């Protein structure tokens, strides 16, 4: 069996459109997950035990169950509860965002706790409130520390977005499946899909490496 390069060239525009959608979902998911995770991390450091318990339950639930199951729950089960269907795009972004938020929460928590406690004490001694100390002293330092793991989370989520193909959302993987169903060129199309994913993940890795050098992260 020969490798049919023309099959790839003929369908590369469709695959690239799917790649753009994959990037959009990833940016939306990690962007929303960034804010969810930051809030959850700060809540996890709260002095209120009930708040910490709720955050822990959220993190353990969404880190301890497969993203695929979470997508199914939001797309298939949730409409039965609310009595209204959910758009595949909304379901995909929602599931990925909530999942990403659980992981980013732990990244933020570890980053904040890596900062010496003396920084917080110094800020409070200068008359700053807890929130002001967090905002102006602790968080800027913590953000530098979380750049590498946050980059890894972005890469992981980019690959995990392939799971939303199971609900019919046409990102890169789903576009590949549809092309294969029409052309029967499994080897060629999956090779092209893999190469596109590889290019995207390597690009993000290079960006993270640049940021590490830019902020001199050890």
Foldseek 3Di string as FASTA:
>chain_A
DDQDVVLCVVCVVVLVVLQVVLLVLLCLQLVLLLVLLLVLLVQCVDPDPVSVVVSVVLLCVLVVDDLLVQLCCQQPVVCVVVVDGDDLSVSLSVSSNSSSNSVSNVLLNVLLVVDDVVQQVVCVVVVDDSVRSCVPTRVVNSVLVSLVVSLVSSLVSSVVSLSSVVVVDRHNNVSLVVSCVVVVNNVNSVVVSVVSSVVVSVVSVVVSVVSCVVVVPD
